[in-house]
């Protein structure tokens, strides 16, 4: 199972916020009724964290009218070992020059 962040934007008007929240609360879905909202801070979006198998399963928990504009992000955690491997590989790759590529430097003045 994966962990996903669902972000659902909506219009900025007060009545638009109220309607979206009402739809979410009436949906009956535990996940949707427990969404976090940014409206009071000027971010007119709802956020939901969920653990499901894939992005489509995450999308299906939303009321149908909100599925198209929802942004769904697969979340992960990194270990120190993974990051050290990435940094080490990057250092090796940055020392290798690709043939045929010339770097031009602009002179000051």
PDB file of N, CA and C in Angstrom:
ATOM      1  N   UNK A   1       0.831  -1.179   0.000  1.00  0.00           N
ATOM      2  CA  UNK A   1       0.000   0.000   0.000  1.00  0.00           C
ATOM      3  C   UNK A   1       0.874   1.241   0.000  1.00  0.00           C
ATOM      4  N   UNK A   2       0.404   2.288  -0.637  1.00  0.00           N
ATOM      5  CA  UNK A   2       1.144   3.538  -0.679  1.00  0.00           C
ATOM      6  C   UNK A   2       0.433   4.629   0.100  1.00  0.00           C
ATOM      7  N   UNK A   3       1.153   5.691   0.363  1.00  0.00           N
ATOM      8  CA  UNK A   3       0.574   6.845   1.057  1.00  0.00           C
ATOM      9  C   UNK A   3       0.450   7.964   0.036  1.00  0.00           C
ATOM     10  N   UNK A   4      -0.717   8.619   0.002  1.00  0.00           N
ATOM     11  CA  UNK A   4      -0.994   9.649  -0.989  1.00  0.00           C
ATOM     12  C   UNK A   4      -1.546  10.899  -0.324  1.00  0.00           C
ATOM     13  N   UNK A   5      -1.169  12.041  -0.897  1.00  0.00           N
ATOM     14  CA  UNK A   5      -1.728  13.321  -0.500  1.00  0.00           C
ATOM     15  C   UNK A   5      -2.670  13.746  -1.615  1.00  0.00           C
ATOM     16  N   UNK A   6      -3.918  13.978  -1.266  1.00  0.00           N
ATOM     17  CA  UNK A   6      -4.914  14.449  -2.234  1.00  0.00           C
ATOM     18  C   UNK A   6      -5.138  15.927  -1.963  1.00  0.00           C
ATOM     19  N   UNK A   7      -5.024  16.736  -3.004  1.00  0.00           N
ATOM     20  CA  UNK A   7      -5.242  18.184  -2.891  1.00  0.00           C
ATOM     21  C   UNK A   7      -6.397  18.542  -3.824  1.00  0.00           C
ATOM     22  N   UNK A   8      -7.424  19.169  -3.265  1.00  0.00           N
ATOM     23  CA  UNK A   8      -8.605  19.524  -4.049  1.00  0.00           C
ATOM     24  C   UNK A   8      -8.823  21.039  -3.959  1.00  0.00           C
ATOM     25  N   UNK A   9      -8.558  21.754  -5.052  1.00  0.00           N
ATOM     26  CA  UNK A   9      -8.780  23.209  -5.046  1.00  0.00           C
ATOM     27  C   UNK A   9     -10.255  23.538  -5.276  1.00  0.00           C
ATOM     28  N   UNK A  10     -10.631  24.741  -4.862  1.00  0.00           N
ATOM     29  CA  UNK A  10     -11.980  25.238  -5.158  1.00  0.00           C
ATOM     30  C   UNK A  10     -11.946  26.761  -5.235  1.00  0.00           C
ATOM     31  N   UNK A  11     -13.051  27.331  -5.664  1.00  0.00           N
ATOM     32  CA  UNK A  11     -13.129  28.789  -5.842  1.00  0.00           C
ATOM     33  C   UNK A  11     -12.990  29.508  -4.504  1.00  0.00           C
ATOM     34  N   UNK A  12     -12.566  30.788  -4.581  1.00  0.00           N
ATOM     35  CA  UNK A  12     -12.242  31.553  -3.379  1.00  0.00           C
ATOM     36  C   UNK A  12     -13.437  32.164  -2.650  1.00  0.00           C
ATOM     37  N   UNK A  13     -14.577  32.292  -3.293  1.00  0.00           N
ATOM     38  CA  UNK A  13     -15.721  32.947  -2.654  1.00  0.00           C
ATOM     39  C   UNK A  13     -16.181  32.167  -1.419  1.00  0.00           C
ATOM     40  N   UNK A  14     -16.650  32.889  -0.418  1.00  0.00           N
ATOM     41  CA  UNK A  14     -17.088  32.273   0.836  1.00  0.00           C
ATOM     42  C   UNK A  14     -18.157  31.224   0.575  1.00  0.00           C
ATOM     43  N   UNK A  15     -19.118  31.536  -0.282  1.00  0.00           N
ATOM     44  CA  UNK A  15     -20.198  30.583  -0.546  1.00  0.00           C
ATOM     45  C   UNK A  15     -19.666  29.343  -1.267  1.00  0.00           C
ATOM     46  N   UNK A  16     -18.661  29.512  -2.105  1.00  0.00           N
ATOM     47  CA  UNK A  16     -18.051  28.358  -2.782  1.00  0.00           C
ATOM     48  C   UNK A  16     -17.388  27.444  -1.757  1.00  0.00           C
ATOM     49  N   UNK A  17     -16.676  28.045  -0.811  1.00  0.00           N
ATOM     50  CA  UNK A  17     -16.047  27.255   0.263  1.00  0.00           C
ATOM     51  C   UNK A  17     -17.110  26.472   1.022  1.00  0.00           C
ATOM     52  N   UNK A  18     -18.162  27.176   1.410  1.00  0.00           N
ATOM     53  CA  UNK A  18     -19.216  26.535   2.200  1.00  0.00           C
ATOM     54  C   UNK A  18     -19.851  25.376   1.432  1.00  0.00           C
ATOM     55  N   UNK A  19     -20.067  25.547   0.153  1.00  0.00           N
ATOM     56  CA  UNK A  19     -20.696  24.477  -0.643  1.00  0.00           C
ATOM     57  C   UNK A  19     -19.788  23.257  -0.763  1.00  0.00           C
ATOM     58  N   UNK A  20     -18.509  23.500  -0.998  1.00  0.00           N
ATOM     59  CA  UNK A  20     -17.566  22.381  -1.125  1.00  0.00           C
ATOM     60  C   UNK A  20     -17.467  21.627   0.197  1.00  0.00           C
ATOM     61  N   UNK A  21     -17.320  22.357   1.290  1.00  0.00           N
ATOM     62  CA  UNK A  21     -17.226  21.710   2.595  1.00  0.00           C
ATOM     63  C   UNK A  21     -18.507  20.918   2.875  1.00  0.00           C
ATOM     64  N   UNK A  22     -19.649  21.498   2.553  1.00  0.00           N
ATOM     65  CA  UNK A  22     -20.923  20.808   2.769  1.00  0.00           C
ATOM     66  C   UNK A  22     -20.981  19.488   1.988  1.00  0.00           C
ATOM     67  N   UNK A  23     -20.564  19.525   0.731  1.00  0.00           N
ATOM     68  CA  UNK A  23     -20.554  18.303  -0.091  1.00  0.00           C
ATOM     69  C   UNK A  23     -19.629  17.260   0.523  1.00  0.00           C
ATOM     70  N   UNK A  24     -18.446  17.694   0.954  1.00  0.00           N
ATOM     71  CA  UNK A  24     -17.502  16.756   1.566  1.00  0.00           C
ATOM     72  C   UNK A  24     -18.105  16.153   2.840  1.00  0.00           C
ATOM     73  N   UNK A  25     -18.697  16.996   3.695  1.00  0.00           N
ATOM     74  CA  UNK A  25     -19.246  16.506   4.959  1.00  0.00           C
ATOM     75  C   UNK A  25     -20.427  15.569   4.748  1.00  0.00           C
ATOM     76  N   UNK A  26     -21.205  15.803   3.706  1.00  0.00           N
ATOM     77  CA  UNK A  26     -22.371  14.960   3.423  1.00  0.00           C
ATOM     78  C   UNK A  26     -22.016  13.692   2.646  1.00  0.00           C
ATOM     79  N   UNK A  27     -20.774  13.577   2.214  1.00  0.00           N
ATOM     80  CA  UNK A  27     -20.376  12.433   1.383  1.00  0.00           C
ATOM     81  C   UNK A  27     -20.472  11.102   2.125  1.00  0.00           C
ATOM     82  N   UNK A  28     -20.287  11.152   3.434  1.00  0.00           N
ATOM     83  CA  UNK A  28     -20.326   9.924   4.219  1.00  0.00           C
ATOM     84  C   UNK A  28     -18.995   9.195   4.281  1.00  0.00           C
ATOM     85  N   UNK A  29     -18.031   9.600   3.456  1.00  0.00           N
ATOM     86  CA  UNK A  29     -16.714   8.958   3.474  1.00  0.00           C
ATOM     87  C   UNK A  29     -15.913   9.489   4.653  1.00  0.00           C
ATOM     88  N   UNK A  30     -15.406   8.593   5.468  1.00  0.00           N
ATOM     89  CA  UNK A  30     -14.593   8.992   6.618  1.00  0.00           C
ATOM     90  C   UNK A  30     -13.413   9.861   6.186  1.00  0.00           C
ATOM     91  N   UNK A  31     -12.776   9.477   5.068  1.00  0.00           N
ATOM     92  CA  UNK A  31     -11.605  10.216   4.596  1.00  0.00           C
ATOM     93  C   UNK A  31     -11.985  11.626   4.165  1.00  0.00           C
ATOM     94  N   UNK A  32     -13.061  11.754   3.429  1.00  0.00           N
ATOM     95  CA  UNK A  32     -13.471  13.052   2.886  1.00  0.00           C
ATOM     96  C   UNK A  32     -14.004  13.957   3.988  1.00  0.00           C
ATOM     97  N   UNK A  33     -14.756  13.400   4.925  1.00  0.00           N
ATOM     98  CA  UNK A  33     -15.308  14.237   6.001  1.00  0.00           C
ATOM     99  C   UNK A  33     -14.232  14.726   6.954  1.00  0.00           C
ATOM    100  N   UNK A  34     -13.056  14.114   6.920  1.00  0.00           N
ATOM    101  CA  UNK A  34     -11.950  14.532   7.778  1.00  0.00           C
ATOM    102  C   UNK A  34     -10.863  15.291   7.025  1.00  0.00           C
ATOM    103  N   UNK A  35     -11.217  15.860   5.890  1.00  0.00           N
ATOM    104  CA  UNK A  35     -10.260  16.653   5.110  1.00  0.00           C
ATOM    105  C   UNK A  35      -9.813  17.869   5.922  1.00  0.00           C
ATOM    106  N   UNK A  36      -8.611  18.331   5.636  1.00  0.00           N
ATOM    107  CA  UNK A  36      -8.110  19.574   6.221  1.00  0.00           C
ATOM    108  C   UNK A  36      -8.250  20.665   5.176  1.00  0.00           C
ATOM    109  N   UNK A  37      -8.627  21.857   5.622  1.00  0.00           N
ATOM    110  CA  UNK A  37      -8.926  22.967   4.723  1.00  0.00           C
ATOM    111  C   UNK A  37      -7.991  24.146   4.969  1.00  0.00           C
ATOM    112  N   UNK A  38      -7.623  24.858   3.914  1.00  0.00           N
ATOM    113  CA  UNK A  38      -6.762  26.031   4.028  1.00  0.00           C
ATOM    114  C   UNK A  38      -7.496  27.341   3.832  1.00  0.00           C
ATOM    115  N   UNK A  39      -8.812  27.298   3.718  1.00  0.00           N
ATOM    116  CA  UNK A  39      -9.622  28.482   3.373  1.00  0.00           C
ATOM    117  C   UNK A  39      -9.404  29.666   4.308  1.00  0.00           C
ATOM    118  N   UNK A  40      -9.341  29.425   5.585  1.00  0.00           N
ATOM    119  CA  UNK A  40      -9.193  30.530   6.542  1.00  0.00           C
ATOM    120  C   UNK A  40      -7.837  31.212   6.443  1.00  0.00           C
ATOM    121  N   UNK A  41      -6.904  30.589   5.725  1.00  0.00           N
ATOM    122  CA  UNK A  41      -5.584  31.181   5.533  1.00  0.00           C
ATOM    123  C   UNK A  41      -5.369  31.589   4.078  1.00  0.00           C
ATOM    124  N   UNK A  42      -6.459  31.658   3.306  1.00  0.00           N
ATOM    125  CA  UNK A  42      -6.364  32.105   1.921  1.00  0.00           C
ATOM    126  C   UNK A  42      -5.972  31.026   0.925  1.00  0.00           C
ATOM    127  N   UNK A  43      -5.791  29.793   1.367  1.00  0.00           N
ATOM    128  CA  UNK A  43      -5.501  28.661   0.472  1.00  0.00           C
ATOM    129  C   UNK A  43      -6.786  27.871   0.299  1.00  0.00           C
ATOM    130  N   UNK A  44      -7.450  28.076  -0.804  1.00  0.00           N
ATOM    131  CA  UNK A  44      -8.767  27.466  -1.013  1.00  0.00           C
ATOM    132  C   UNK A  44      -8.620  26.071  -1.591  1.00  0.00           C
ATOM    133  N   UNK A  45      -8.217  25.180  -0.675  1.00  0.00           N
ATOM    134  CA  UNK A  45      -7.969  23.786  -1.028  1.00  0.00           C
ATOM    135  C   UNK A  45      -8.304  22.910   0.169  1.00  0.00           C
ATOM    136  N   UNK A  46      -8.608  21.657  -0.144  1.00  0.00           N
ATOM    137  CA  UNK A  46      -8.749  20.630   0.888  1.00  0.00           C
ATOM    138  C   UNK A  46      -7.595  19.660   0.701  1.00  0.00           C
ATOM    139  N   UNK A  47      -7.111  19.093   1.809  1.00  0.00           N
ATOM    140  CA  UNK A  47      -6.048  18.090   1.746  1.00  0.00           C
ATOM    141  C   UNK A  47      -6.486  16.858   2.523  1.00  0.00           C
ATOM    142  N   UNK A  48      -6.167  15.715   1.950  1.00  0.00           N
ATOM    143  CA  UNK A  48      -6.487  14.437   2.580  1.00  0.00           C
ATOM    144  C   UNK A  48      -5.254  13.544   2.461  1.00  0.00           C
ATOM    145  N   UNK A  49      -4.861  12.919   3.552  1.00  0.00           N
ATOM    146  CA  UNK A  49      -3.804  11.910   3.533  1.00  0.00           C
ATOM    147  C   UNK A  49      -4.485  10.552   3.608  1.00  0.00           C
ATOM    148  N   UNK A  50      -4.072   9.646   2.717  1.00  0.00           N
ATOM    149  CA  UNK A  50      -4.731   8.346   2.670  1.00  0.00           C
ATOM    150  C   UNK A  50      -3.727   7.270   2.283  1.00  0.00           C
ATOM    151  N   UNK A  51      -3.938   6.076   2.796  1.00  0.00           N
ATOM    152  CA  UNK A  51      -3.125   4.926   2.403  1.00  0.00           C
ATOM    153  C   UNK A  51      -3.997   3.984   1.593  1.00  0.00           C
ATOM    154  N   UNK A  52      -3.666   3.877   0.311  1.00  0.00           N
ATOM    155  CA  UNK A  52      -4.375   3.004  -0.625  1.00  0.00           C
ATOM    156  C   UNK A  52      -3.346   2.397  -1.581  1.00  0.00           C
ATOM    157  N   UNK A  53      -3.810   1.559  -2.500  1.00  0.00           N
ATOM    158  CA  UNK A  53      -2.896   0.864  -3.408  1.00  0.00           C
ATOM    159  C   UNK A  53      -2.353   1.723  -4.542  1.00  0.00           C
ATOM    160  N   UNK A  54      -3.139   2.696  -5.024  1.00  0.00           N
ATOM    161  CA  UNK A  54      -2.681   3.475  -6.178  1.00  0.00           C
ATOM    162  C   UNK A  54      -3.434   4.808  -6.265  1.00  0.00           C
ATOM    163  N   UNK A  55      -3.007   5.655  -7.218  1.00  0.00           N
ATOM    164  CA  UNK A  55      -3.597   6.995  -7.365  1.00  0.00           C
ATOM    165  C   UNK A  55      -5.070   6.941  -7.743  1.00  0.00           C
ATOM    166  N   UNK A  56      -5.431   5.991  -8.590  1.00  0.00           N
ATOM    167  CA  UNK A  56      -6.835   5.911  -9.000  1.00  0.00           C
ATOM    168  C   UNK A  56      -7.740   5.549  -7.835  1.00  0.00           C
ATOM    169  N   UNK A  57      -7.274   4.683  -6.968  1.00  0.00           N
ATOM    170  CA  UNK A  57      -8.049   4.341  -5.780  1.00  0.00           C
ATOM    171  C   UNK A  57      -8.200   5.573  -4.885  1.00  0.00           C
ATOM    172  N   UNK A  58      -7.141   6.365  -4.781  1.00  0.00           N
ATOM    173  CA  UNK A  58      -7.202   7.606  -4.003  1.00  0.00           C
ATOM    174  C   UNK A  58      -8.214   8.566  -4.623  1.00  0.00           C
ATOM    175  N   UNK A  59      -8.193   8.690  -5.936  1.00  0.00           N
ATOM    176  CA  UNK A  59      -9.116   9.594  -6.625  1.00  0.00           C
ATOM    177  C   UNK A  59     -10.581   9.185  -6.408  1.00  0.00           C
ATOM    178  N   UNK A  60     -10.820   7.885  -6.351  1.00  0.00           N
ATOM    179  CA  UNK A  60     -12.193   7.383  -6.224  1.00  0.00           C
ATOM    180  C   UNK A  60     -12.830   7.696  -4.876  1.00  0.00           C
ATOM    181  N   UNK A  61     -12.054   8.068  -3.874  1.00  0.00           N
ATOM    182  CA  UNK A  61     -12.683   8.398  -2.590  1.00  0.00           C
ATOM    183  C   UNK A  61     -13.345   9.775  -2.614  1.00  0.00           C
ATOM    184  N   UNK A  62     -12.995  10.587  -3.620  1.00  0.00           N
ATOM    185  CA  UNK A  62     -13.558  11.937  -3.716  1.00  0.00           C
ATOM    186  C   UNK A  62     -14.947  11.910  -4.342  1.00  0.00           C
ATOM    187  N   UNK A  63     -15.788  12.887  -3.973  1.00  0.00           N
ATOM    188  CA  UNK A  63     -17.052  13.022  -4.689  1.00  0.00           C
ATOM    189  C   UNK A  63     -16.748  13.234  -6.183  1.00  0.00           C
ATOM    190  N   UNK A  64     -17.500  12.619  -7.085  1.00  0.00           N
ATOM    191  CA  UNK A  64     -17.197  12.655  -8.522  1.00  0.00           C
ATOM    192  C   UNK A  64     -16.925  14.039  -9.107  1.00  0.00           C
ATOM    193  N   UNK A  65     -17.625  15.064  -8.654  1.00  0.00           N
ATOM    194  CA  UNK A  65     -17.444  16.407  -9.222  1.00  0.00           C
ATOM    195  C   UNK A  65     -16.054  16.973  -8.953  1.00  0.00           C
ATOM    196  N   UNK A  66     -15.337  16.452  -7.972  1.00  0.00           N
ATOM    197  CA  UNK A  66     -14.034  16.997  -7.592  1.00  0.00           C
ATOM    198  C   UNK A  66     -12.854  16.156  -8.083  1.00  0.00           C
ATOM    199  N   UNK A  67     -13.126  15.040  -8.681  1.00  0.00           N
ATOM    200  CA  UNK A  67     -12.055  14.143  -9.131  1.00  0.00           C
ATOM    201  C   UNK A  67     -11.179  14.746 -10.231  1.00  0.00           C
ATOM    202  N   UNK A  68     -11.750  15.412 -11.251  1.00  0.00           N
ATOM    203  CA  UNK A  68     -10.898  15.908 -12.347  1.00  0.00           C
ATOM    204  C   UNK A  68      -9.843  16.925 -11.925  1.00  0.00           C
ATOM    205  N   UNK A  69     -10.160  17.833 -11.009  1.00  0.00           N
ATOM    206  CA  UNK A  69      -9.212  18.882 -10.640  1.00  0.00           C
ATOM    207  C   UNK A  69      -8.328  18.498  -9.460  1.00  0.00           C
ATOM    208  N   UNK A  70      -8.541  17.320  -8.881  1.00  0.00           N
ATOM    209  CA  UNK A  70      -7.739  16.891  -7.727  1.00  0.00           C
ATOM    210  C   UNK A  70      -6.312  16.566  -8.155  1.00  0.00           C
ATOM    211  N   UNK A  71      -5.381  16.954  -7.322  1.00  0.00           N
ATOM    212  CA  UNK A  71      -3.974  16.607  -7.530  1.00  0.00           C
ATOM    213  C   UNK A  71      -3.645  15.521  -6.504  1.00  0.00           C
ATOM    214  N   UNK A  72      -3.091  14.424  -6.989  1.00  0.00           N
ATOM    215  CA  UNK A  72      -2.786  13.312  -6.108  1.00  0.00           C
ATOM    216  C   UNK A  72      -1.291  13.033  -6.194  1.00  0.00           C
ATOM    217  N   UNK A  73      -0.637  13.069  -5.032  1.00  0.00           N
ATOM    218  CA  UNK A  73       0.813  12.919  -4.966  1.00  0.00           C
ATOM    219  C   UNK A  73       1.152  11.672  -4.153  1.00  0.00           C
ATOM    220  N   UNK A  74       1.964  10.817  -4.732  1.00  0.00           N
ATOM    221  CA  UNK A  74       2.466   9.644  -4.027  1.00  0.00           C
ATOM    222  C   UNK A  74       3.585  10.107  -3.094  1.00  0.00           C
ATOM    223  N   UNK A  75       3.474   9.785  -1.824  1.00  0.00           N
ATOM    224  CA  UNK A  75       4.457  10.225  -0.834  1.00  0.00           C
ATOM    225  C   UNK A  75       5.415   9.092  -0.483  1.00  0.00           C
ATOM    226  N   UNK A  76       6.613   9.462  -0.095  1.00  0.00           N
ATOM    227  CA  UNK A  76       7.603   8.464   0.314  1.00  0.00           C
ATOM    228  C   UNK A  76       8.494   9.054   1.394  1.00  0.00           C
ATOM    229  N   UNK A  77       9.243   8.190   2.006  1.00  0.00           N
ATOM    230  CA  UNK A  77      10.267   8.601   2.965  1.00  0.00           C
ATOM    231  C   UNK A  77      11.598   8.105   2.422  1.00  0.00           C
ATOM    232  N   UNK A  78      12.651   8.823   2.723  1.00  0.00           N
ATOM    233  CA  UNK A  78      13.994   8.436   2.303  1.00  0.00           C
ATOM    234  C   UNK A  78      14.805   8.036   3.517  1.00  0.00           C
ATOM    235  N   UNK A  79      15.645   7.041   3.345  1.00  0.00           N
ATOM    236  CA  UNK A  79      16.590   6.679   4.404  1.00  0.00           C
ATOM    237  C   UNK A  79      17.893   7.421   4.138  1.00  0.00           C
ATOM    238  N   UNK A  80      18.733   7.534   5.145  1.00  0.00           N
ATOM    239  CA  UNK A  80      20.024   8.180   4.984  1.00  0.00           C
ATOM    240  C   UNK A  80      20.863   7.412   3.966  1.00  0.00           C
ATOM    241  N   UNK A  81      20.764   6.084   3.983  1.00  0.00           N
ATOM    242  CA  UNK A  81      21.514   5.258   3.044  1.00  0.00           C
ATOM    243  C   UNK A  81      21.113   5.563   1.589  1.00  0.00           C
ATOM    244  N   UNK A  82      19.820   5.709   1.340  1.00  0.00           N
ATOM    245  CA  UNK A  82      19.362   6.040  -0.016  1.00  0.00           C
ATOM    246  C   UNK A  82      19.917   7.386  -0.473  1.00  0.00           C
ATOM    247  N   UNK A  83      19.877   8.367   0.412  1.00  0.00           N
ATOM    248  CA  UNK A  83      20.354   9.708   0.064  1.00  0.00           C
ATOM    249  C   UNK A  83      21.860   9.685  -0.166  1.00  0.00           C
ATOM    250  N   UNK A  84      22.591   8.967   0.658  1.00  0.00           N
ATOM    251  CA  UNK A  84      24.037   8.862   0.457  1.00  0.00           C
ATOM    252  C   UNK A  84      24.356   8.225  -0.891  1.00  0.00           C
ATOM    253  N   UNK A  85      23.597   7.201  -1.288  1.00  0.00           N
ATOM    254  CA  UNK A  85      23.791   6.560  -2.601  1.00  0.00           C
ATOM    255  C   UNK A  85      23.519   7.553  -3.738  1.00  0.00           C
ATOM    256  N   UNK A  86      22.443   8.335  -3.618  1.00  0.00           N
ATOM    257  CA  UNK A  86      22.091   9.317  -4.653  1.00  0.00           C
ATOM    258  C   UNK A  86      23.184  10.378  -4.773  1.00  0.00           C
ATOM    259  N   UNK A  87      23.630  10.903  -3.639  1.00  0.00           N
ATOM    260  CA  UNK A  87      24.665  11.945  -3.635  1.00  0.00           C
ATOM    261  C   UNK A  87      25.973  11.391  -4.201  1.00  0.00           C
ATOM    262  N   UNK A  88      26.323  10.185  -3.801  1.00  0.00           N
ATOM    263  CA  UNK A  88      27.539   9.567  -4.300  1.00  0.00           C
ATOM    264  C   UNK A  88      27.486   9.385  -5.816  1.00  0.00           C
ATOM    265  N   UNK A  89      26.382   8.913  -6.324  1.00  0.00           N
ATOM    266  CA  UNK A  89      26.220   8.730  -7.779  1.00  0.00           C
ATOM    267  C   UNK A  89      26.289  10.075  -8.498  1.00  0.00           C
ATOM    268  N   UNK A  90      25.666  11.081  -7.927  1.00  0.00           N
ATOM    269  CA  UNK A  90      25.681  12.415  -8.537  1.00  0.00           C
ATOM    270  C   UNK A  90      27.118  12.952  -8.619  1.00  0.00           C
ATOM    271  N   UNK A  91      27.885  12.746  -7.570  1.00  0.00           N
ATOM    272  CA  UNK A  91      29.282  13.219  -7.573  1.00  0.00           C
ATOM    273  C   UNK A  91      30.087  12.525  -8.668  1.00  0.00           C
ATOM    274  N   UNK A  92      29.890  11.211  -8.816  1.00  0.00           N
ATOM    275  CA  UNK A  92      30.595  10.473  -9.867  1.00  0.00           C
ATOM    276  C   UNK A  92      30.170  10.978 -11.248  1.00  0.00           C
ATOM    277  N   UNK A  93      28.875  11.178 -11.451  1.00  0.00           N
ATOM    278  CA  UNK A  93      28.358  11.629 -12.745  1.00  0.00           C
ATOM    279  C   UNK A  93      28.802  13.038 -13.090  1.00  0.00           C
ATOM    280  N   UNK A  94      28.901  13.909 -12.085  1.00  0.00           N
ATOM    281  CA  UNK A  94      29.274  15.301 -12.362  1.00  0.00           C
ATOM    282  C   UNK A  94      30.750  15.436 -12.720  1.00  0.00           C
ATOM    283  N   UNK A  95      31.560  14.438 -12.351  1.00  0.00           N
ATOM    284  CA  UNK A  95      32.979  14.468 -12.710  1.00  0.00           C
ATOM    285  C   UNK A  95      33.226  13.949 -14.117  1.00  0.00           C
ATOM    286  N   UNK A  96      32.251  13.294 -14.686  1.00  0.00           N
ATOM    287  CA  UNK A  96      32.403  12.732 -16.033  1.00  0.00           C
ATOM    288  C   UNK A  96      31.859  13.725 -17.040  1.00  0.00           C
ATOM    289  N   UNK A  97      32.683  14.114 -17.989  1.00  0.00           N
ATOM    290  CA  UNK A  97      32.228  15.048 -19.015  1.00  0.00           C
ATOM    291  C   UNK A  97      31.694  14.268 -20.200  1.00  0.00           C
ATOM    292  N   UNK A  98      30.597  14.763 -20.767  1.00  0.00           N
ATOM    293  CA  UNK A  98      30.039  14.111 -21.947  1.00  0.00           C
ATOM    294  C   UNK A  98      30.767  14.615 -23.181  1.00  0.00           C
ATOM    295  N   UNK A  99      31.101  13.720 -24.120  1.00  0.00           N
ATOM    296  CA  UNK A  99      31.817  14.142 -25.335  1.00  0.00           C
ATOM    297  C   UNK A  99      30.969  15.079 -26.177  1.00  0.00           C
ATOM    298  N   UNK A 100      31.638  16.062 -26.754  1.00  0.00           N
ATOM    299  CA  UNK A 100      30.946  16.985 -27.656  1.00  0.00           C
ATOM    300  C   UNK A 100      30.238  18.147 -26.982  1.00  0.00           C
ATOM    301  N   UNK A 101      30.305  18.227 -25.676  1.00  0.00           N
ATOM    302  CA  UNK A 101      29.645  19.334 -24.972  1.00  0.00           C
ATOM    303  C   UNK A 101      30.710  20.324 -24.535  1.00  0.00           C
ATOM    304  N   UNK A 102      30.533  21.575 -24.939  1.00  0.00           N
ATOM    305  CA  UNK A 102      31.476  22.625 -24.582  1.00  0.00           C
ATOM    306  C   UNK A 102      30.761  23.612 -23.685  1.00  0.00           C
ATOM    307  N   UNK A 103      31.394  23.965 -22.592  1.00  0.00           N
ATOM    308  CA  UNK A 103      30.812  24.951 -21.687  1.00  0.00           C
ATOM    309  C   UNK A 103      31.448  26.297 -21.997  1.00  0.00           C
ATOM    310  N   UNK A 104      30.602  27.258 -22.319  1.00  0.00           N
ATOM    311  CA  UNK A 104      31.097  28.605 -22.611  1.00  0.00           C
ATOM    312  C   UNK A 104      30.960  29.459 -21.370  1.00  0.00           C
ATOM    313  N   UNK A 105      32.016  30.183 -21.042  1.00  0.00           N
ATOM    314  CA  UNK A 105      31.997  31.081 -19.891  1.00  0.00           C
ATOM    315  C   UNK A 105      31.933  32.505 -20.389  1.00  0.00           C
ATOM    316  N   UNK A 106      31.115  33.291 -19.776  1.00  0.00           N
ATOM    317  CA  UNK A 106      30.975  34.691 -20.124  1.00  0.00           C
ATOM    318  C   UNK A 106      31.978  35.495 -19.319  1.00  0.00           C
ATOM    319  N   UNK A 107      32.740  36.331 -19.998  1.00  0.00           N
ATOM    320  CA  UNK A 107      33.726  37.161 -19.299  1.00  0.00           C
ATOM    321  C   UNK A 107      33.073  38.414 -18.762  1.00  0.00           C
ATOM    322  N   UNK A 108      33.460  38.807 -17.570  1.00  0.00           N
ATOM    323  CA  UNK A 108      32.909  40.017 -16.951  1.00  0.00           C
ATOM    324  C   UNK A 108      33.502  41.245 -17.654  1.00  0.00           C
ATOM    325  N   UNK A 109      32.676  42.284 -17.703  1.00  0.00           N
ATOM    326  CA  UNK A 109      33.220  43.523 -18.226  1.00  0.00           C
ATOM    327  C   UNK A 109      32.474  43.983 -19.342  1.00  0.00           C
TER     328      UNK A 109
END
